[in-house]
Amino acid sequence: MFSLREFIKKGLLDAIGKMADYQIILNATGWYEKNVLTMEDLAEISDKIDEKNNPIVEEPKEEIEESEEE
């Protein structure tokens, strides 16, 4: 069954990185005011925007040299 909420949320999540953050935020709050999106949806969208803006960079692990037993 078609869900307008899921349709809108998917579109906004897909727009992250392709549209300006402020446009996504304003659009999402408009759908929230219309009671289509929930606070949880806005939190998910916000988390994805933050993740895009502050990527987690994993530092290379130092290789542990195995000591050879003689």
Protein backbone atom coordinates (compact mmCIF):
# COMPACT_ATOMS: atom_id res chain seq x y z
CA MET A 1 0.00 0.00 0.00
CA PHE A 2 1.25 3.49 -0.82
CA SER A 3 2.49 5.59 2.10
CA LEU A 4 2.87 9.32 1.52
CA ARG A 5 5.02 9.56 4.66
CA GLU A 6 7.51 6.95 3.45
CA PHE A 7 7.48 8.45 -0.06
CA ILE A 8 8.32 11.95 1.23
CA LYS A 9 10.91 10.68 3.71
CA LYS A 10 12.67 8.59 1.06
CA GLY A 11 12.77 11.58 -1.29
CA LEU A 12 14.25 13.84 1.37
CA LEU A 13 16.84 11.27 2.43
CA ASP A 14 17.82 10.72 -1.21
CA ALA A 15 18.21 14.50 -1.67
CA ILE A 16 20.91 14.70 1.02
CA GLY A 17 24.15 15.60 -0.72
CA LYS A 18 22.31 16.65 -3.88
CA MET A 19 20.43 19.65 -2.50
CA ALA A 20 21.45 22.31 -0.02
CA ASP A 21 20.91 21.25 3.59
CA TYR A 22 18.68 24.23 4.33
CA GLN A 23 16.34 23.28 1.48
CA ILE A 24 15.94 19.76 2.82
CA ILE A 25 15.38 21.07 6.35
CA LEU A 26 12.78 23.62 5.27
CA ASN A 27 11.00 21.06 3.11
CA ALA A 28 11.00 18.48 5.93
CA THR A 29 9.61 20.95 8.45
CA GLY A 30 6.84 21.86 6.01
CA TRP A 31 5.80 18.21 5.81
CA TYR A 32 6.05 17.98 9.62
CA GLU A 33 3.70 20.94 10.01
CA LYS A 34 1.23 19.13 7.72
CA ASN A 35 1.46 16.09 10.03
CA VAL A 36 2.93 13.91 7.29
CA LEU A 37 6.36 13.47 8.88
CA THR A 38 7.00 12.78 12.57
CA MET A 39 9.67 14.08 14.94
CA GLU A 40 11.42 10.71 14.53
CA ASP A 41 11.51 11.28 10.76
CA LEU A 42 13.02 14.74 11.24
CA ALA A 43 15.60 13.28 13.63
CA GLU A 44 16.53 10.61 11.05
CA ILE A 45 16.89 13.24 8.32
CA SER A 46 18.95 15.45 10.63
CA ASP A 47 21.23 12.54 11.54
CA LYS A 48 21.85 11.76 7.86
CA ILE A 49 22.67 15.43 7.15
CA ASP A 50 25.09 15.47 10.11
CA GLU A 51 26.65 12.22 8.92
CA LYS A 52 27.22 13.75 5.48
CA ASN A 53 28.74 16.91 6.93
CA ASN A 54 30.92 15.12 9.49
CA PRO A 55 32.00 11.83 7.95
CA ILE A 56 33.56 9.31 10.24
CA VAL A 57 37.14 8.80 9.15
CA GLU A 58 38.64 5.60 10.34
CA GLU A 59 42.32 5.82 11.01
CA PRO A 60 44.35 2.93 9.68
CA LYS A 61 45.09 0.39 12.33
CA GLU A 62 48.72 -0.21 13.05
CA GLU A 63 49.70 -3.64 11.97
CA ILE A 64 50.77 -5.78 14.83
CA GLU A 65 53.88 -7.63 13.90
CA GLU A 66 53.78 -11.20 14.95
CA SER A 67 56.86 -12.28 16.79
CA GLU A 68 58.31 -15.46 15.48
CA GLU A 69 58.90 -18.13 18.03
CA GLU A 70 62.16 -19.98 17.65
